[in-house]
Amino acid sequence: MTDTSQRAHTDHLAQSRDHFRWRREHMEALAILKRAEAAIFEHEARILDHDAEIARHEEAINHGDAHADAPPAGEHARFTKAHADGAEHHDGLLVAIRALSQHLETRS
């Protein structure tokens, strides 16, 4: 094997190792992105639940028990805490996702 062939062979082996590593890392990254997507869907479900509770509370406040059942004791405090906890989770997740945009290149 000539020196040129030997260098090419060495380069090819190194590049193949890089490709295997990159593929493994891509699969790991995609798994993380799927978990992030699931977390967003889960947060959306909690938001919908909270919106329904807000509407029910507002009905009870504005029109009394005839329109909606009075909320159980402590429910408002529980949803207020869940709202605050969700806001922190929401902000952290979106900051992380938006940080990805600097690594996404557009190819034409």
N, C-alpha and C. Protein backbone atom coordinates (compact mmCIF):
# COMPACT_ATOMS: atom_id res chain seq x y z
N MET A 1 0.86 -1.18 0.00
CA MET A 1 0.00 0.00 0.00
C MET A 1 0.90 1.23 0.00
N THR A 2 0.58 2.20 -0.85
CA THR A 2 1.38 3.41 -0.92
C THR A 2 1.07 4.29 0.28
N ASP A 3 1.93 5.28 0.50
CA ASP A 3 1.70 6.23 1.60
C ASP A 3 0.37 6.95 1.42
N THR A 4 0.04 7.31 0.18
CA THR A 4 -1.22 8.00 -0.09
C THR A 4 -2.41 7.09 0.23
N SER A 5 -2.31 5.84 -0.18
CA SER A 5 -3.38 4.88 0.11
C SER A 5 -3.51 4.65 1.61
N GLN A 6 -2.37 4.55 2.29
CA GLN A 6 -2.38 4.34 3.74
C GLN A 6 -3.05 5.51 4.45
N ARG A 7 -2.72 6.74 4.05
CA ARG A 7 -3.36 7.93 4.64
C ARG A 7 -4.86 7.93 4.37
N ALA A 8 -5.25 7.59 3.15
CA ALA A 8 -6.67 7.54 2.80
C ALA A 8 -7.37 6.48 3.63
N HIS A 9 -6.74 5.32 3.79
CA HIS A 9 -7.32 4.24 4.59
C HIS A 9 -7.49 4.69 6.04
N THR A 10 -6.49 5.32 6.60
CA THR A 10 -6.54 5.82 7.97
C THR A 10 -7.65 6.86 8.11
N ASP A 11 -7.74 7.77 7.15
CA ASP A 11 -8.80 8.79 7.16
C ASP A 11 -10.18 8.14 7.09
N HIS A 12 -10.32 7.14 6.24
CA HIS A 12 -11.62 6.47 6.08
C HIS A 12 -12.04 5.79 7.38
N LEU A 13 -11.09 5.12 8.04
CA LEU A 13 -11.41 4.46 9.31
C LEU A 13 -11.84 5.48 10.36
N ALA A 14 -11.13 6.58 10.44
CA ALA A 14 -11.48 7.63 11.41
C ALA A 14 -12.85 8.22 11.10
N GLN A 15 -13.11 8.45 9.83
CA GLN A 15 -14.41 9.01 9.44
C GLN A 15 -15.54 8.02 9.73
N SER A 16 -15.31 6.74 9.48
CA SER A 16 -16.33 5.73 9.79
C SER A 16 -16.63 5.70 11.29
N ARG A 17 -15.59 5.77 12.12
CA ARG A 17 -15.81 5.81 13.57
C ARG A 17 -16.62 7.04 13.96
N ASP A 18 -16.30 8.20 13.34
CA ASP A 18 -17.08 9.41 13.59
C ASP A 18 -18.54 9.20 13.22
N HIS A 19 -18.78 8.57 12.07
CA HIS A 19 -20.15 8.36 11.61
C HIS A 19 -20.94 7.49 12.57
N PHE A 20 -20.33 6.42 13.07
CA PHE A 20 -21.01 5.56 14.05
C PHE A 20 -21.35 6.35 15.31
N ARG A 21 -20.38 7.13 15.79
CA ARG A 21 -20.60 7.93 17.00
C ARG A 21 -21.69 8.97 16.76
N TRP A 22 -21.62 9.66 15.62
CA TRP A 22 -22.62 10.69 15.32
C TRP A 22 -24.02 10.08 15.23
N ARG A 23 -24.13 8.92 14.60
CA ARG A 23 -25.44 8.28 14.51
C ARG A 23 -25.99 7.92 15.88
N ARG A 24 -25.14 7.37 16.75
CA ARG A 24 -25.57 7.05 18.11
C ARG A 24 -26.01 8.32 18.83
N GLU A 25 -25.22 9.36 18.72
CA GLU A 25 -25.55 10.63 19.38
C GLU A 25 -26.83 11.24 18.80
N HIS A 26 -27.05 11.10 17.50
CA HIS A 26 -28.29 11.60 16.90
C HIS A 26 -29.50 10.87 17.49
N MET A 27 -29.40 9.55 17.64
CA MET A 27 -30.51 8.78 18.21
C MET A 27 -30.78 9.20 19.65
N GLU A 28 -29.73 9.42 20.41
CA GLU A 28 -29.90 9.90 21.79
C GLU A 28 -30.56 11.28 21.81
N ALA A 29 -30.12 12.15 20.92
CA ALA A 29 -30.69 13.51 20.85
C ALA A 29 -32.16 13.45 20.43
N LEU A 30 -32.49 12.60 19.47
CA LEU A 30 -33.89 12.47 19.05
C LEU A 30 -34.75 11.94 20.19
N ALA A 31 -34.22 11.04 20.99
CA ALA A 31 -34.97 10.54 22.15
C ALA A 31 -35.25 11.68 23.13
N ILE A 32 -34.26 12.54 23.33
CA ILE A 32 -34.46 13.69 24.22
C ILE A 32 -35.50 14.64 23.64
N LEU A 33 -35.45 14.89 22.34
CA LEU A 33 -36.44 15.76 21.71
C LEU A 33 -37.84 15.18 21.82
N LYS A 34 -37.97 13.87 21.69
CA LYS A 34 -39.29 13.24 21.84
C LYS A 34 -39.80 13.41 23.27
N ARG A 35 -38.90 13.31 24.25
CA ARG A 35 -39.30 13.54 25.64
C ARG A 35 -39.72 14.99 25.84
N ALA A 36 -39.01 15.92 25.19
CA ALA A 36 -39.38 17.34 25.29
C ALA A 36 -40.75 17.56 24.66
N GLU A 37 -41.00 16.93 23.52
CA GLU A 37 -42.31 17.04 22.86
C GLU A 37 -43.40 16.50 23.78
N ALA A 38 -43.15 15.36 24.40
CA ALA A 38 -44.14 14.78 25.32
C ALA A 38 -44.39 15.71 26.51
N ALA A 39 -43.34 16.35 27.00
CA ALA A 39 -43.50 17.28 28.12
C ALA A 39 -44.36 18.47 27.71
N ILE A 40 -44.20 18.95 26.49
CA ILE A 40 -45.02 20.07 26.01
C ILE A 40 -46.49 19.64 25.91
N PHE A 41 -46.74 18.45 25.36
CA PHE A 41 -48.12 17.96 25.28
C PHE A 41 -48.73 17.79 26.67
N GLU A 42 -47.93 17.28 27.59
CA GLU A 42 -48.42 17.11 28.97
C GLU A 42 -48.75 18.46 29.60
N HIS A 43 -47.90 19.45 29.36
CA HIS A 43 -48.15 20.79 29.90
C HIS A 43 -49.42 21.37 29.27
N GLU A 44 -49.61 21.17 27.97
CA GLU A 44 -50.83 21.64 27.31
C GLU A 44 -52.07 21.03 27.95
N ALA A 45 -52.00 19.74 28.28
CA ALA A 45 -53.14 19.08 28.92
C ALA A 45 -53.43 19.70 30.29
N ARG A 46 -52.38 20.00 31.04
CA ARG A 46 -52.57 20.64 32.35
C ARG A 46 -53.14 22.05 32.19
N ILE A 47 -52.71 22.77 31.16
CA ILE A 47 -53.24 24.11 30.90
C ILE A 47 -54.73 24.03 30.60
N LEU A 48 -55.14 23.08 29.76
CA LEU A 48 -56.56 22.91 29.45
C LEU A 48 -57.36 22.60 30.71
N ASP A 49 -56.82 21.73 31.54
CA ASP A 49 -57.49 21.39 32.80
C ASP A 49 -57.63 22.63 33.69
N HIS A 50 -56.58 23.41 33.77
CA HIS A 50 -56.62 24.62 34.60
C HIS A 50 -57.60 25.63 34.02
N ASP A 51 -57.62 25.79 32.71
CA ASP A 51 -58.59 26.71 32.08
C ASP A 51 -60.03 26.30 32.40
N ALA A 52 -60.29 24.99 32.38
CA ALA A 52 -61.64 24.52 32.72
C ALA A 52 -61.98 24.85 34.17
N GLU A 53 -61.03 24.69 35.07
CA GLU A 53 -61.26 25.01 36.47
C GLU A 53 -61.46 26.51 36.67
N ILE A 54 -60.70 27.32 35.95
CA ILE A 54 -60.87 28.77 36.03
C ILE A 54 -62.28 29.16 35.58
N ALA A 55 -62.73 28.59 34.47
CA ALA A 55 -64.07 28.90 33.97
C ALA A 55 -65.13 28.48 34.98
N ARG A 56 -64.97 27.32 35.59
CA ARG A 56 -65.93 26.86 36.59
C ARG A 56 -65.94 27.78 37.80
N HIS A 57 -64.77 28.17 38.26
CA HIS A 57 -64.68 29.10 39.40
C HIS A 57 -65.35 30.43 39.07
N GLU A 58 -65.07 30.95 37.88
CA GLU A 58 -65.66 32.23 37.48
C GLU A 58 -67.18 32.15 37.42
N GLU A 59 -67.70 31.03 36.92
CA GLU A 59 -69.15 30.83 36.90
C GLU A 59 -69.70 30.85 38.31
N ALA A 60 -69.04 30.15 39.22
CA ALA A 60 -69.51 30.10 40.61
C ALA A 60 -69.42 31.48 41.27
N ILE A 61 -68.36 32.22 40.98
CA ILE A 61 -68.19 33.55 41.56
C ILE A 61 -69.26 34.50 41.03
N ASN A 62 -69.47 34.47 39.72
CA ASN A 62 -70.38 35.43 39.08
C ASN A 62 -71.86 35.07 39.22
N HIS A 63 -72.18 33.78 39.28
CA HIS A 63 -73.58 33.38 39.22
C HIS A 63 -74.00 32.47 40.37
N GLY A 64 -73.08 32.16 41.24
CA GLY A 64 -73.44 31.32 42.38
C GLY A 64 -73.49 29.85 42.03
N ASP A 65 -73.87 29.05 43.03
CA ASP A 65 -73.87 27.59 42.90
C ASP A 65 -74.90 27.08 41.90
N ALA A 66 -75.86 27.92 41.50
CA ALA A 66 -76.87 27.47 40.55
C ALA A 66 -76.26 27.16 39.19
N HIS A 67 -75.17 27.85 38.83
CA HIS A 67 -74.53 27.66 37.53
C HIS A 67 -73.36 26.69 37.58
N ALA A 68 -72.69 26.63 38.69
CA ALA A 68 -71.53 25.75 38.82
C ALA A 68 -71.33 25.40 40.28
N ASP A 69 -70.86 24.20 40.52
CA ASP A 69 -70.58 23.80 41.89
C ASP A 69 -69.49 24.68 42.47
N ALA A 70 -69.62 24.96 43.75
CA ALA A 70 -68.57 25.72 44.44
C ALA A 70 -67.30 24.86 44.45
N PRO A 71 -66.15 25.49 44.29
CA PRO A 71 -64.91 24.71 44.28
C PRO A 71 -64.65 24.09 45.66
N PRO A 72 -64.05 22.92 45.67
CA PRO A 72 -63.69 22.30 46.95
C PRO A 72 -62.68 23.17 47.70
N ALA A 73 -62.69 23.04 49.02
CA ALA A 73 -61.76 23.82 49.84
C ALA A 73 -60.32 23.55 49.41
N GLY A 74 -59.55 24.59 49.30
CA GLY A 74 -58.13 24.47 48.96
C GLY A 74 -57.83 24.32 47.48
N GLU A 75 -58.87 24.19 46.65
CA GLU A 75 -58.62 23.98 45.23
C GLU A 75 -57.93 25.18 44.58
N HIS A 76 -58.37 26.38 44.93
CA HIS A 76 -57.76 27.57 44.32
C HIS A 76 -56.27 27.64 44.65
N ALA A 77 -55.92 27.38 45.89
CA ALA A 77 -54.50 27.42 46.30
C ALA A 77 -53.70 26.34 45.56
N ARG A 78 -54.29 25.16 45.39
CA ARG A 78 -53.61 24.06 44.70
C ARG A 78 -53.34 24.42 43.24
N PHE A 79 -54.36 25.00 42.58
CA PHE A 79 -54.18 25.38 41.18
C PHE A 79 -53.23 26.58 41.04
N THR A 80 -53.24 27.49 42.00
CA THR A 80 -52.31 28.62 41.96
C THR A 80 -50.87 28.12 42.05
N LYS A 81 -50.62 27.17 42.94
CA LYS A 81 -49.27 26.59 43.06
C LYS A 81 -48.89 25.84 41.78
N ALA A 82 -49.82 25.05 41.25
CA ALA A 82 -49.55 24.31 40.01
C ALA A 82 -49.25 25.27 38.86
N HIS A 83 -49.96 26.40 38.84
CA HIS A 83 -49.72 27.40 37.80
C HIS A 83 -48.30 27.96 37.91
N ALA A 84 -47.89 28.31 39.11
CA ALA A 84 -46.54 28.85 39.31
C ALA A 84 -45.47 27.81 38.97
N ASP A 85 -45.68 26.56 39.39
CA ASP A 85 -44.73 25.50 39.07
C ASP A 85 -44.67 25.27 37.56
N GLY A 86 -45.81 25.32 36.91
CA GLY A 86 -45.86 25.12 35.46
C GLY A 86 -45.15 26.24 34.71
N ALA A 87 -45.27 27.46 35.23
CA ALA A 87 -44.61 28.60 34.58
C ALA A 87 -43.10 28.43 34.59
N GLU A 88 -42.56 27.97 35.72
CA GLU A 88 -41.11 27.76 35.82
C GLU A 88 -40.67 26.67 34.84
N HIS A 89 -41.40 25.57 34.80
CA HIS A 89 -41.09 24.46 33.90
C HIS A 89 -41.21 24.92 32.45
N HIS A 90 -42.26 25.65 32.14
CA HIS A 90 -42.50 26.17 30.79
C HIS A 90 -41.33 27.04 30.33
N ASP A 91 -40.94 27.98 31.16
CA ASP A 91 -39.85 28.89 30.79
C ASP A 91 -38.55 28.15 30.55
N GLY A 92 -38.21 27.24 31.45
CA GLY A 92 -36.95 26.49 31.31
C GLY A 92 -36.92 25.64 30.06
N LEU A 93 -38.03 24.97 29.77
CA LEU A 93 -38.10 24.12 28.59
C LEU A 93 -37.98 24.95 27.31
N LEU A 94 -38.69 26.08 27.26
CA LEU A 94 -38.64 26.90 26.04
C LEU A 94 -37.27 27.56 25.84
N VAL A 95 -36.63 27.95 26.92
CA VAL A 95 -35.27 28.51 26.79
C VAL A 95 -34.34 27.46 26.17
N ALA A 96 -34.44 26.22 26.65
CA ALA A 96 -33.59 25.16 26.13
C ALA A 96 -33.89 24.88 24.65
N ILE A 97 -35.16 24.82 24.30
CA ILE A 97 -35.54 24.54 22.91
C ILE A 97 -35.11 25.69 21.99
N ARG A 98 -35.34 26.91 22.44
CA ARG A 98 -34.94 28.06 21.60
C ARG A 98 -33.43 28.14 21.41
N ALA A 99 -32.67 27.65 22.39
CA ALA A 99 -31.21 27.67 22.27
C ALA A 99 -30.75 26.76 21.13
N LEU A 100 -31.57 25.80 20.77
CA LEU A 100 -31.21 24.91 19.66
C LEU A 100 -31.15 25.64 18.33
N SER A 101 -31.92 26.70 18.18
CA SER A 101 -32.02 27.37 16.88
C SER A 101 -30.67 27.86 16.37
N GLN A 102 -29.76 28.19 17.26
CA GLN A 102 -28.44 28.66 16.80
C GLN A 102 -27.62 27.54 16.16
N HIS A 103 -28.02 26.30 16.40
CA HIS A 103 -27.30 25.16 15.85
C HIS A 103 -27.97 24.56 14.61
N LEU A 104 -29.08 25.13 14.23
CA LEU A 104 -29.79 24.63 13.06
C LEU A 104 -29.45 25.51 11.87
N GLU A 105 -28.80 24.92 10.92
CA GLU A 105 -28.44 25.68 9.74
C GLU A 105 -29.41 25.36 8.63
N THR A 106 -29.65 26.35 7.81
CA THR A 106 -30.52 26.11 6.65
C THR A 106 -29.64 25.83 5.46
N ARG A 107 -30.03 24.82 4.75
CA ARG A 107 -29.27 24.45 3.54
C ARG A 107 -30.17 24.62 2.35
N SER A 108 -29.63 25.20 1.33
CA SER A 108 -30.44 25.37 0.12
C SER A 108 -29.95 24.49 -0.98
